[in-house]
Amino acid sequence: MDMSALIIFAGALLVAAGSPGPSIAALVARVITRGWRDVLPFLAAMWIGEGIWLSFAILGLAYVAETFHMAFVTIKYAGVAYLLYLAWKMWTAPVETGGEALPNAGSRLRLFFTGMAVTLGNPKIMMFYLALLPTIIDVASVTLIGWAELTLTMVVVLVAVDAVWVLAATQARRLLKSPRAMRIANRTSASMMAGAAAAIATR
């Protein structure tokens, strides 16, 4: 694929992915309350979900979102419900300033499915790809190699953007040492998580 097309795609995606939205709000809230290791399954699911939406756009499968509309609506609201549950847990969490145990396998799996629900339940992502791709490439002529190049470019951009957000949230978390600061952080994060759920639900 033409390098200039990949650069344009990467630039547009960088701007879109770097803008705060429901996924970023959920990501930052989770890092502040639980630390960066706890969000790795969530991030992995977000990247996989973005890859799925990109593939749908490239393959001309936009009709899937209409044909299986109820399935996507179910996924969307399942993600909203779990984000609200997480917000409630953050709001009512006891204040602890010591170290926290790493999440168990079950919670990592739930977090992964939450990330998938948040991403697959957000049709804005697919609309972004549907609007962008035809302006820079001939989608009908994209080969398997071309799809791989676009997907790799997408992953590199998303990893870079999300890493910056995680780093910023981690630094903010380290500044929160007192119980009062932790309580404020928990409730701020809970509000952000609830806001992310509301933003997804109303899309």
N, C-alpha and C. Protein backbone atom coordinates (compact mmCIF):
# COMPACT_ATOMS: atom_id res chain seq x y z
N MET A 1 0.84 -1.19 0.00
CA MET A 1 0.00 0.00 0.00
C MET A 1 0.88 1.24 0.00
N ASP A 2 0.37 2.30 -0.65
CA ASP A 2 1.13 3.54 -0.75
C ASP A 2 1.44 4.09 0.65
N MET A 3 2.69 4.44 0.88
CA MET A 3 3.12 4.93 2.19
C MET A 3 2.41 6.23 2.57
N SER A 4 2.17 7.08 1.60
CA SER A 4 1.51 8.35 1.92
C SER A 4 0.10 8.11 2.43
N ALA A 5 -0.57 7.10 1.88
CA ALA A 5 -1.93 6.78 2.35
C ALA A 5 -1.89 6.29 3.80
N LEU A 6 -0.89 5.46 4.13
CA LEU A 6 -0.76 4.98 5.50
C LEU A 6 -0.46 6.12 6.46
N ILE A 7 0.35 7.08 6.02
CA ILE A 7 0.69 8.22 6.88
C ILE A 7 -0.55 9.08 7.14
N ILE A 8 -1.34 9.31 6.09
CA ILE A 8 -2.57 10.09 6.25
C ILE A 8 -3.53 9.36 7.18
N PHE A 9 -3.65 8.07 6.99
CA PHE A 9 -4.52 7.25 7.85
C PHE A 9 -4.06 7.33 9.30
N ALA A 10 -2.76 7.19 9.51
CA ALA A 10 -2.21 7.23 10.87
C ALA A 10 -2.43 8.59 11.51
N GLY A 11 -2.25 9.67 10.74
CA GLY A 11 -2.45 11.01 11.28
C GLY A 11 -3.88 11.27 11.70
N ALA A 12 -4.82 10.87 10.83
CA ALA A 12 -6.24 11.06 11.16
C ALA A 12 -6.64 10.23 12.37
N LEU A 13 -6.13 9.00 12.43
CA LEU A 13 -6.45 8.13 13.56
C LEU A 13 -5.83 8.66 14.85
N LEU A 14 -4.63 9.23 14.76
CA LEU A 14 -3.97 9.80 15.92
C LEU A 14 -4.82 10.91 16.54
N VAL A 15 -5.36 11.77 15.69
CA VAL A 15 -6.20 12.86 16.18
C VAL A 15 -7.48 12.32 16.81
N ALA A 16 -8.12 11.37 16.11
CA ALA A 16 -9.39 10.82 16.60
C ALA A 16 -9.20 10.03 17.89
N ALA A 17 -8.17 9.18 17.92
CA ALA A 17 -7.95 8.33 19.09
C ALA A 17 -7.44 9.13 20.28
N GLY A 18 -6.73 10.23 20.02
CA GLY A 18 -6.19 11.03 21.11
C GLY A 18 -7.21 11.94 21.77
N SER A 19 -8.36 12.12 21.11
CA SER A 19 -9.40 12.98 21.68
C SER A 19 -10.11 12.23 22.80
N PRO A 20 -10.28 12.87 23.96
CA PRO A 20 -10.97 12.20 25.07
C PRO A 20 -12.39 11.79 24.68
N GLY A 21 -12.74 10.56 24.99
CA GLY A 21 -14.06 10.04 24.71
C GLY A 21 -14.42 9.00 25.76
N PRO A 22 -15.50 8.26 25.55
CA PRO A 22 -15.92 7.25 26.53
C PRO A 22 -14.84 6.22 26.85
N SER A 23 -14.16 5.72 25.83
CA SER A 23 -13.14 4.69 26.06
C SER A 23 -11.97 5.25 26.86
N ILE A 24 -11.53 6.46 26.51
CA ILE A 24 -10.42 7.09 27.23
C ILE A 24 -10.81 7.39 28.67
N ALA A 25 -12.06 7.87 28.86
CA ALA A 25 -12.53 8.16 30.21
C ALA A 25 -12.52 6.90 31.07
N ALA A 26 -13.01 5.79 30.50
CA ALA A 26 -13.02 4.52 31.23
C ALA A 26 -11.60 4.06 31.53
N LEU A 27 -10.70 4.23 30.57
CA LEU A 27 -9.31 3.81 30.73
C LEU A 27 -8.63 4.61 31.85
N VAL A 28 -8.75 5.93 31.81
CA VAL A 28 -8.10 6.78 32.81
C VAL A 28 -8.67 6.51 34.20
N ALA A 29 -9.99 6.36 34.27
CA ALA A 29 -10.62 6.09 35.57
C ALA A 29 -10.09 4.79 36.16
N ARG A 30 -9.94 3.77 35.33
CA ARG A 30 -9.49 2.47 35.81
C ARG A 30 -8.03 2.53 36.29
N VAL A 31 -7.18 3.25 35.54
CA VAL A 31 -5.77 3.36 35.92
C VAL A 31 -5.62 4.09 37.25
N ILE A 32 -6.37 5.17 37.43
CA ILE A 32 -6.25 5.96 38.65
C ILE A 32 -6.67 5.14 39.88
N THR A 33 -7.70 4.32 39.73
CA THR A 33 -8.18 3.57 40.89
C THR A 33 -7.47 2.25 41.12
N ARG A 34 -6.98 1.60 40.07
CA ARG A 34 -6.42 0.26 40.23
C ARG A 34 -4.98 0.11 39.75
N GLY A 35 -4.44 1.07 39.01
CA GLY A 35 -3.08 0.93 38.50
C GLY A 35 -3.06 0.47 37.05
N TRP A 36 -1.90 0.61 36.41
CA TRP A 36 -1.82 0.36 34.97
C TRP A 36 -1.90 -1.12 34.60
N ARG A 37 -1.41 -2.01 35.46
CA ARG A 37 -1.45 -3.44 35.12
C ARG A 37 -2.87 -3.94 34.96
N ASP A 38 -3.78 -3.36 35.71
CA ASP A 38 -5.16 -3.82 35.70
C ASP A 38 -5.89 -3.50 34.40
N VAL A 39 -5.34 -2.57 33.59
CA VAL A 39 -6.06 -2.16 32.38
C VAL A 39 -5.55 -2.86 31.12
N LEU A 40 -4.53 -3.69 31.25
CA LEU A 40 -3.98 -4.34 30.05
C LEU A 40 -5.01 -5.19 29.31
N PRO A 41 -5.84 -5.99 30.01
CA PRO A 41 -6.87 -6.74 29.28
C PRO A 41 -7.89 -5.81 28.61
N PHE A 42 -8.23 -4.71 29.29
CA PHE A 42 -9.16 -3.73 28.73
C PHE A 42 -8.58 -3.12 27.45
N LEU A 43 -7.28 -2.76 27.50
CA LEU A 43 -6.63 -2.18 26.33
C LEU A 43 -6.57 -3.18 25.18
N ALA A 44 -6.19 -4.43 25.50
CA ALA A 44 -6.11 -5.45 24.46
C ALA A 44 -7.45 -5.63 23.77
N ALA A 45 -8.52 -5.64 24.55
CA ALA A 45 -9.86 -5.79 23.99
C ALA A 45 -10.23 -4.59 23.11
N MET A 46 -9.85 -3.39 23.56
CA MET A 46 -10.12 -2.20 22.76
C MET A 46 -9.41 -2.26 21.41
N TRP A 47 -8.16 -2.71 21.42
CA TRP A 47 -7.41 -2.78 20.16
C TRP A 47 -7.99 -3.85 19.24
N ILE A 48 -8.38 -4.98 19.81
CA ILE A 48 -8.99 -6.04 19.00
C ILE A 48 -10.33 -5.55 18.43
N GLY A 49 -11.11 -4.87 19.28
CA GLY A 49 -12.39 -4.35 18.82
C GLY A 49 -12.22 -3.35 17.69
N GLU A 50 -11.22 -2.48 17.80
CA GLU A 50 -10.95 -1.52 16.72
C GLU A 50 -10.56 -2.26 15.44
N GLY A 51 -9.77 -3.32 15.60
CA GLY A 51 -9.38 -4.12 14.43
C GLY A 51 -10.58 -4.75 13.76
N ILE A 52 -11.55 -5.18 14.56
CA ILE A 52 -12.77 -5.77 14.00
C ILE A 52 -13.55 -4.74 13.20
N TRP A 53 -13.72 -3.53 13.79
CA TRP A 53 -14.45 -2.47 13.08
C TRP A 53 -13.72 -2.08 11.79
N LEU A 54 -12.39 -1.98 11.85
CA LEU A 54 -11.61 -1.64 10.66
C LEU A 54 -11.79 -2.70 9.58
N SER A 55 -11.78 -3.96 9.99
CA SER A 55 -11.95 -5.05 9.03
C SER A 55 -13.33 -5.01 8.39
N PHE A 56 -14.35 -4.74 9.20
CA PHE A 56 -15.70 -4.61 8.66
C PHE A 56 -15.76 -3.52 7.59
N ALA A 57 -15.13 -2.38 7.89
CA ALA A 57 -15.16 -1.27 6.95
C ALA A 57 -14.43 -1.63 5.66
N ILE A 58 -13.25 -2.24 5.79
CA ILE A 58 -12.47 -2.59 4.62
C ILE A 58 -13.20 -3.62 3.76
N LEU A 59 -13.80 -4.59 4.38
CA LEU A 59 -14.46 -5.66 3.64
C LEU A 59 -15.86 -5.29 3.17
N GLY A 60 -16.26 -4.06 3.45
CA GLY A 60 -17.57 -3.63 3.00
C GLY A 60 -18.70 -4.29 3.75
N LEU A 61 -18.46 -4.59 5.04
CA LEU A 61 -19.48 -5.29 5.82
C LEU A 61 -20.24 -4.35 6.74
N ALA A 62 -20.42 -3.11 6.30
CA ALA A 62 -21.16 -2.17 7.12
C ALA A 62 -22.58 -2.65 7.39
N TYR A 63 -23.10 -3.44 6.46
CA TYR A 63 -24.48 -3.92 6.62
C TYR A 63 -24.64 -4.86 7.81
N VAL A 64 -23.52 -5.39 8.31
CA VAL A 64 -23.60 -6.29 9.46
C VAL A 64 -24.19 -5.56 10.68
N ALA A 65 -23.80 -4.31 10.83
CA ALA A 65 -24.31 -3.53 11.96
C ALA A 65 -25.82 -3.36 11.88
N GLU A 66 -26.36 -3.35 10.65
CA GLU A 66 -27.81 -3.23 10.48
C GLU A 66 -28.48 -4.59 10.54
N THR A 67 -27.88 -5.58 9.89
CA THR A 67 -28.48 -6.91 9.86
C THR A 67 -28.57 -7.52 11.25
N PHE A 68 -27.53 -7.32 12.04
CA PHE A 68 -27.49 -7.87 13.40
C PHE A 68 -27.59 -6.74 14.42
N HIS A 69 -28.48 -5.79 14.12
CA HIS A 69 -28.59 -4.59 14.95
C HIS A 69 -28.82 -4.92 16.42
N MET A 70 -29.72 -5.84 16.71
CA MET A 70 -30.04 -6.15 18.10
C MET A 70 -28.85 -6.75 18.85
N ALA A 71 -28.03 -7.50 18.13
CA ALA A 71 -26.84 -8.08 18.77
C ALA A 71 -25.90 -6.97 19.20
N PHE A 72 -25.71 -5.97 18.34
CA PHE A 72 -24.82 -4.87 18.68
C PHE A 72 -25.41 -4.01 19.80
N VAL A 73 -26.73 -3.85 19.78
CA VAL A 73 -27.38 -3.10 20.86
C VAL A 73 -27.21 -3.82 22.19
N THR A 74 -27.35 -5.16 22.16
CA THR A 74 -27.17 -5.96 23.38
C THR A 74 -25.75 -5.82 23.92
N ILE A 75 -24.76 -5.92 23.02
CA ILE A 75 -23.37 -5.77 23.41
C ILE A 75 -23.14 -4.39 24.02
N LYS A 76 -23.69 -3.38 23.35
CA LYS A 76 -23.52 -2.01 23.80
C LYS A 76 -24.03 -1.81 25.22
N TYR A 77 -25.25 -2.28 25.49
CA TYR A 77 -25.83 -2.03 26.81
C TYR A 77 -25.27 -2.97 27.89
N ALA A 78 -24.73 -4.11 27.47
CA ALA A 78 -24.02 -4.95 28.43
C ALA A 78 -22.76 -4.22 28.91
N GLY A 79 -22.07 -3.58 27.98
CA GLY A 79 -20.90 -2.79 28.34
C GLY A 79 -21.26 -1.61 29.23
N VAL A 80 -22.37 -0.94 28.90
CA VAL A 80 -22.83 0.19 29.71
C VAL A 80 -23.14 -0.26 31.14
N ALA A 81 -23.84 -1.39 31.26
CA ALA A 81 -24.21 -1.89 32.59
C ALA A 81 -22.97 -2.21 33.42
N TYR A 82 -21.96 -2.82 32.80
CA TYR A 82 -20.76 -3.17 33.56
C TYR A 82 -19.97 -1.93 33.95
N LEU A 83 -19.94 -0.92 33.06
CA LEU A 83 -19.25 0.32 33.41
C LEU A 83 -19.94 1.00 34.60
N LEU A 84 -21.26 0.96 34.63
CA LEU A 84 -21.99 1.53 35.76
C LEU A 84 -21.70 0.75 37.04
N TYR A 85 -21.58 -0.56 36.91
CA TYR A 85 -21.23 -1.39 38.07
C TYR A 85 -19.84 -1.02 38.59
N LEU A 86 -18.89 -0.84 37.67
CA LEU A 86 -17.54 -0.43 38.07
C LEU A 86 -17.56 0.94 38.73
N ALA A 87 -18.39 1.85 38.18
CA ALA A 87 -18.49 3.18 38.77
C ALA A 87 -18.99 3.09 40.21
N TRP A 88 -19.99 2.25 40.44
CA TRP A 88 -20.53 2.07 41.80
C TRP A 88 -19.47 1.49 42.72
N LYS A 89 -18.70 0.50 42.23
CA LYS A 89 -17.65 -0.10 43.05
C LYS A 89 -16.58 0.93 43.41
N MET A 90 -16.23 1.80 42.44
CA MET A 90 -15.23 2.83 42.71
C MET A 90 -15.74 3.83 43.75
N TRP A 91 -17.01 4.21 43.62
CA TRP A 91 -17.58 5.21 44.51
C TRP A 91 -17.62 4.71 45.96
N THR A 92 -17.89 3.42 46.11
CA THR A 92 -18.05 2.87 47.46
C THR A 92 -16.79 2.15 47.95
N ALA A 93 -15.71 2.21 47.19
CA ALA A 93 -14.49 1.48 47.56
C ALA A 93 -13.90 2.05 48.83
N PRO A 94 -13.41 1.17 49.73
CA PRO A 94 -12.72 1.65 50.94
C PRO A 94 -11.42 2.32 50.54
N VAL A 95 -11.03 3.31 51.32
CA VAL A 95 -9.80 4.06 51.03
C VAL A 95 -8.61 3.26 51.51
N GLU A 96 -7.69 2.94 50.58
CA GLU A 96 -6.47 2.21 50.90
C GLU A 96 -5.31 2.92 50.24
N THR A 97 -4.29 3.19 51.02
CA THR A 97 -3.11 3.84 50.46
C THR A 97 -1.94 2.88 50.31
N GLY A 98 -2.14 1.63 50.72
CA GLY A 98 -1.07 0.64 50.57
C GLY A 98 -1.13 -0.03 49.21
N GLY A 99 -0.28 -1.04 49.02
CA GLY A 99 -0.26 -1.74 47.74
C GLY A 99 -1.50 -2.59 47.55
N GLU A 100 -1.83 -2.81 46.29
CA GLU A 100 -3.00 -3.61 45.96
C GLU A 100 -2.56 -4.88 45.26
N ALA A 101 -3.29 -5.94 45.52
CA ALA A 101 -2.99 -7.20 44.85
C ALA A 101 -3.37 -7.10 43.39
N LEU A 102 -2.64 -7.80 42.55
CA LEU A 102 -3.00 -7.84 41.15
C LEU A 102 -4.33 -8.56 41.00
N PRO A 103 -5.13 -8.19 39.98
CA PRO A 103 -6.42 -8.83 39.80
C PRO A 103 -6.26 -10.30 39.46
N ASN A 104 -7.25 -11.09 39.85
CA ASN A 104 -7.18 -12.51 39.51
C ASN A 104 -7.61 -12.73 38.07
N ALA A 105 -7.48 -13.96 37.62
CA ALA A 105 -7.76 -14.26 36.22
C ALA A 105 -9.20 -13.94 35.86
N GLY A 106 -10.11 -14.19 36.79
CA GLY A 106 -11.51 -13.94 36.51
C GLY A 106 -11.79 -12.49 36.24
N SER A 107 -11.20 -11.59 37.07
CA SER A 107 -11.44 -10.17 36.88
C SER A 107 -10.78 -9.68 35.59
N ARG A 108 -9.64 -10.23 35.22
CA ARG A 108 -9.00 -9.85 33.96
C ARG A 108 -9.88 -10.24 32.79
N LEU A 109 -10.50 -11.41 32.88
CA LEU A 109 -11.38 -11.85 31.80
C LEU A 109 -12.60 -10.94 31.70
N ARG A 110 -13.16 -10.57 32.85
CA ARG A 110 -14.31 -9.66 32.83
C ARG A 110 -13.91 -8.31 32.26
N LEU A 111 -12.72 -7.85 32.61
CA LEU A 111 -12.25 -6.57 32.11
C LEU A 111 -12.05 -6.62 30.59
N PHE A 112 -11.56 -7.76 30.10
CA PHE A 112 -11.39 -7.93 28.65
C PHE A 112 -12.74 -7.83 27.95
N PHE A 113 -13.74 -8.53 28.46
CA PHE A 113 -15.06 -8.49 27.84
C PHE A 113 -15.68 -7.10 27.95
N THR A 114 -15.36 -6.39 29.02
CA THR A 114 -15.85 -5.01 29.14
C THR A 114 -15.25 -4.13 28.04
N GLY A 115 -13.96 -4.29 27.81
CA GLY A 115 -13.31 -3.53 26.75
C GLY A 115 -13.89 -3.84 25.38
N MET A 116 -14.20 -5.12 25.14
CA MET A 116 -14.82 -5.50 23.87
C MET A 116 -16.21 -4.88 23.75
N ALA A 117 -16.96 -4.91 24.84
CA ALA A 117 -18.31 -4.35 24.81
C ALA A 117 -18.28 -2.85 24.56
N VAL A 118 -17.35 -2.16 25.23
CA VAL A 118 -17.23 -0.71 25.04
C VAL A 118 -16.88 -0.39 23.59
N THR A 119 -15.96 -1.14 23.01
CA THR A 119 -15.50 -0.84 21.65
C THR A 119 -16.51 -1.28 20.59
N LEU A 120 -16.99 -2.51 20.69
CA LEU A 120 -17.95 -2.99 19.70
C LEU A 120 -19.31 -2.31 19.84
N GLY A 121 -19.59 -1.79 21.02
CA GLY A 121 -20.85 -1.09 21.23
C GLY A 121 -20.80 0.37 20.84
N ASN A 122 -19.69 0.80 20.24
CA ASN A 122 -19.52 2.19 19.83
C ASN A 122 -19.43 2.28 18.31
N PRO A 123 -20.56 2.45 17.61
CA PRO A 123 -20.55 2.49 16.15
C PRO A 123 -19.82 3.70 15.59
N LYS A 124 -19.52 4.68 16.44
CA LYS A 124 -18.75 5.84 15.97
C LYS A 124 -17.41 5.41 15.40
N ILE A 125 -16.83 4.34 15.95
CA ILE A 125 -15.54 3.87 15.48
C ILE A 125 -15.66 3.39 14.04
N MET A 126 -16.69 2.59 13.77
CA MET A 126 -16.86 2.09 12.40
C MET A 126 -17.16 3.23 11.45
N MET A 127 -17.98 4.20 11.90
CA MET A 127 -18.31 5.33 11.04
C MET A 127 -17.05 6.14 10.71
N PHE A 128 -16.13 6.21 11.66
CA PHE A 128 -14.87 6.91 11.40
C PHE A 128 -14.12 6.23 10.26
N TYR A 129 -14.01 4.90 10.34
CA TYR A 129 -13.29 4.17 9.30
C TYR A 129 -14.02 4.24 7.96
N LEU A 130 -15.35 4.16 8.00
CA LEU A 130 -16.11 4.22 6.76
C LEU A 130 -15.97 5.59 6.10
N ALA A 131 -15.86 6.63 6.91
CA ALA A 131 -15.73 7.98 6.35
C ALA A 131 -14.30 8.25 5.87
N LEU A 132 -13.32 7.69 6.58
CA LEU A 132 -11.92 8.00 6.27
C LEU A 132 -11.35 7.17 5.13
N LEU A 133 -11.55 5.86 5.19
CA LEU A 133 -10.86 4.97 4.25
C LEU A 133 -11.13 5.29 2.78
N PRO A 134 -12.40 5.53 2.39
CA PRO A 134 -12.62 5.80 0.96
C PRO A 134 -11.94 7.06 0.45
N THR A 135 -11.57 7.96 1.35
CA THR A 135 -10.93 9.21 0.93
C THR A 135 -9.44 9.05 0.69
N ILE A 136 -8.84 7.97 1.18
CA ILE A 136 -7.39 7.81 1.02
C ILE A 136 -7.00 6.56 0.26
N ILE A 137 -7.89 5.56 0.19
CA ILE A 137 -7.55 4.33 -0.53
C ILE A 137 -8.76 3.83 -1.30
N ASP A 138 -8.50 2.97 -2.27
CA ASP A 138 -9.57 2.27 -2.98
C ASP A 138 -9.88 1.00 -2.19
N VAL A 139 -10.92 1.08 -1.36
CA VAL A 139 -11.24 -0.02 -0.45
C VAL A 139 -11.48 -1.32 -1.21
N ALA A 140 -12.08 -1.21 -2.39
CA ALA A 140 -12.42 -2.41 -3.16
C ALA A 140 -11.17 -3.16 -3.62
N SER A 141 -10.05 -2.47 -3.70
CA SER A 141 -8.83 -3.12 -4.20
C SER A 141 -7.83 -3.48 -3.10
N VAL A 142 -8.26 -3.36 -1.85
CA VAL A 142 -7.36 -3.68 -0.74
C VAL A 142 -7.10 -5.18 -0.68
N THR A 143 -5.85 -5.56 -0.70
CA THR A 143 -5.47 -6.97 -0.63
C THR A 143 -5.29 -7.38 0.84
N LEU A 144 -5.00 -8.65 1.05
CA LEU A 144 -4.74 -9.14 2.39
C LEU A 144 -3.53 -8.41 3.00
N ILE A 145 -2.52 -8.15 2.17
CA ILE A 145 -1.34 -7.43 2.65
C ILE A 145 -1.73 -5.99 3.01
N GLY A 146 -2.55 -5.38 2.17
CA GLY A 146 -3.00 -4.02 2.46
C GLY A 146 -3.79 -3.95 3.76
N TRP A 147 -4.65 -4.93 3.99
CA TRP A 147 -5.41 -5.00 5.24
C TRP A 147 -4.45 -5.13 6.43
N ALA A 148 -3.42 -5.98 6.26
CA ALA A 148 -2.44 -6.17 7.34
C ALA A 148 -1.69 -4.88 7.63
N GLU A 149 -1.33 -4.14 6.57
CA GLU A 149 -0.61 -2.88 6.75
C GLU A 149 -1.47 -1.85 7.48
N LEU A 150 -2.74 -1.75 7.09
CA LEU A 150 -3.65 -0.82 7.76
C LEU A 150 -3.87 -1.21 9.22
N THR A 151 -4.03 -2.51 9.45
CA THR A 151 -4.25 -2.99 10.82
C THR A 151 -3.04 -2.75 11.69
N LEU A 152 -1.85 -3.01 11.16
CA LEU A 152 -0.62 -2.77 11.91
C LEU A 152 -0.46 -1.28 12.23
N THR A 153 -0.76 -0.44 11.24
CA THR A 153 -0.69 1.01 11.46
C THR A 153 -1.66 1.43 12.55
N MET A 154 -2.86 0.87 12.51
CA MET A 154 -3.87 1.17 13.53
C MET A 154 -3.38 0.78 14.92
N VAL A 155 -2.82 -0.42 15.04
CA VAL A 155 -2.36 -0.91 16.34
C VAL A 155 -1.23 -0.02 16.88
N VAL A 156 -0.28 0.35 16.02
CA VAL A 156 0.85 1.18 16.45
C VAL A 156 0.34 2.52 16.97
N VAL A 157 -0.60 3.14 16.25
CA VAL A 157 -1.13 4.44 16.67
C VAL A 157 -1.89 4.31 17.98
N LEU A 158 -2.75 3.30 18.09
CA LEU A 158 -3.55 3.15 19.30
C LEU A 158 -2.69 2.82 20.52
N VAL A 159 -1.69 1.99 20.34
CA VAL A 159 -0.79 1.67 21.46
C VAL A 159 -0.08 2.93 21.93
N ALA A 160 0.40 3.74 20.99
CA ALA A 160 1.10 4.97 21.36
C ALA A 160 0.18 5.93 22.10
N VAL A 161 -1.03 6.13 21.57
CA VAL A 161 -1.97 7.06 22.19
C VAL A 161 -2.38 6.58 23.58
N ASP A 162 -2.76 5.31 23.67
CA ASP A 162 -3.21 4.78 24.95
C ASP A 162 -2.09 4.75 25.99
N ALA A 163 -0.86 4.52 25.53
CA ALA A 163 0.28 4.52 26.45
C ALA A 163 0.46 5.90 27.08
N VAL A 164 0.26 6.95 26.30
CA VAL A 164 0.37 8.31 26.83
C VAL A 164 -0.70 8.55 27.89
N TRP A 165 -1.94 8.11 27.61
CA TRP A 165 -3.01 8.29 28.58
C TRP A 165 -2.75 7.49 29.85
N VAL A 166 -2.27 6.27 29.69
CA VAL A 166 -1.97 5.43 30.86
C VAL A 166 -0.85 6.04 31.69
N LEU A 167 0.19 6.55 31.03
CA LEU A 167 1.29 7.18 31.74
C LEU A 167 0.82 8.40 32.53
N ALA A 168 -0.02 9.23 31.89
CA ALA A 168 -0.53 10.42 32.57
C ALA A 168 -1.37 10.03 33.78
N ALA A 169 -2.22 9.02 33.62
CA ALA A 169 -3.07 8.58 34.73
C ALA A 169 -2.25 7.95 35.84
N THR A 170 -1.18 7.22 35.46
CA THR A 170 -0.31 6.59 36.46
C THR A 170 0.40 7.65 37.30
N GLN A 171 0.88 8.71 36.64
CA GLN A 171 1.54 9.79 37.36
C GLN A 171 0.57 10.46 38.32
N ALA A 172 -0.67 10.66 37.87
CA ALA A 172 -1.69 11.26 38.74
C ALA A 172 -1.97 10.36 39.93
N ARG A 173 -1.99 9.06 39.69
CA ARG A 173 -2.25 8.10 40.77
C ARG A 173 -1.16 8.16 41.84
N ARG A 174 0.09 8.35 41.43
CA ARG A 174 1.20 8.38 42.38
C ARG A 174 1.16 9.61 43.29
N LEU A 175 0.48 10.65 42.83
CA LEU A 175 0.38 11.87 43.63
C LEU A 175 -0.67 11.74 44.73
N LEU A 176 -1.48 10.69 44.62
CA LEU A 176 -2.60 10.55 45.55
C LEU A 176 -2.19 9.64 46.71
N LYS A 177 -1.68 10.23 47.76
CA LYS A 177 -1.16 9.44 48.87
C LYS A 177 -2.08 9.43 50.09
N SER A 178 -2.81 10.52 50.33
CA SER A 178 -3.64 10.60 51.54
C SER A 178 -4.98 9.92 51.32
N PRO A 179 -5.61 9.43 52.41
CA PRO A 179 -6.94 8.83 52.29
C PRO A 179 -7.96 9.78 51.66
N ARG A 180 -7.88 11.07 52.02
CA ARG A 180 -8.83 12.04 51.46
C ARG A 180 -8.62 12.17 49.94
N ALA A 181 -7.35 12.22 49.53
CA ALA A 181 -7.07 12.32 48.09
C ALA A 181 -7.53 11.07 47.36
N MET A 182 -7.33 9.90 47.98
CA MET A 182 -7.77 8.66 47.37
C MET A 182 -9.29 8.61 47.25
N ARG A 183 -9.97 9.10 48.29
CA ARG A 183 -11.44 9.11 48.24
C ARG A 183 -11.93 10.02 47.11
N ILE A 184 -11.31 11.18 46.99
CA ILE A 184 -11.68 12.10 45.91
C ILE A 184 -11.39 11.46 44.55
N ALA A 185 -10.22 10.79 44.45
CA ALA A 185 -9.85 10.14 43.19
C ALA A 185 -10.83 9.04 42.84
N ASN A 186 -11.21 8.23 43.85
CA ASN A 186 -12.16 7.14 43.60
C ASN A 186 -13.49 7.68 43.09
N ARG A 187 -13.96 8.76 43.72
CA ARG A 187 -15.28 9.28 43.34
C ARG A 187 -15.22 10.06 42.03
N THR A 188 -14.08 10.69 41.78
CA THR A 188 -13.91 11.34 40.48
C THR A 188 -13.87 10.30 39.37
N SER A 189 -13.12 9.23 39.63
CA SER A 189 -13.03 8.14 38.65
C SER A 189 -14.39 7.49 38.45
N ALA A 190 -15.15 7.32 39.54
CA ALA A 190 -16.48 6.75 39.42
C ALA A 190 -17.36 7.62 38.55
N SER A 191 -17.26 8.93 38.73
CA SER A 191 -18.05 9.86 37.91
C SER A 191 -17.64 9.79 36.45
N MET A 192 -16.32 9.66 36.20
CA MET A 192 -15.84 9.53 34.82
C MET A 192 -16.34 8.24 34.19
N MET A 193 -16.31 7.14 34.98
CA MET A 193 -16.77 5.86 34.46
C MET A 193 -18.26 5.91 34.14
N ALA A 194 -19.04 6.52 35.04
CA ALA A 194 -20.47 6.66 34.80
C ALA A 194 -20.73 7.55 33.58
N GLY A 195 -19.91 8.60 33.46
CA GLY A 195 -20.04 9.47 32.29
C GLY A 195 -19.73 8.73 31.00
N ALA A 196 -18.72 7.87 31.04
CA ALA A 196 -18.39 7.06 29.86
C ALA A 196 -19.56 6.16 29.49
N ALA A 197 -20.17 5.54 30.51
CA ALA A 197 -21.32 4.68 30.26
C ALA A 197 -22.47 5.47 29.65
N ALA A 198 -22.72 6.67 30.19
CA ALA A 198 -23.80 7.50 29.65
C ALA A 198 -23.53 7.92 28.22
N ALA A 199 -22.27 8.26 27.93
CA ALA A 199 -21.91 8.68 26.57
C ALA A 199 -22.11 7.55 25.57
N ILE A 200 -21.74 6.34 25.97
CA ILE A 200 -21.91 5.18 25.09
C ILE A 200 -23.39 4.87 24.89
N ALA A 201 -24.17 4.95 26.00
CA ALA A 201 -25.59 4.61 25.93
C ALA A 201 -26.37 5.55 25.04
N THR A 202 -25.95 6.82 24.97
CA THR A 202 -26.71 7.80 24.19
C THR A 202 -26.23 7.92 22.77
N ARG A 203 -25.21 7.17 22.35
CA ARG A 203 -24.74 7.25 20.97
C ARG A 203 -25.70 6.53 20.05
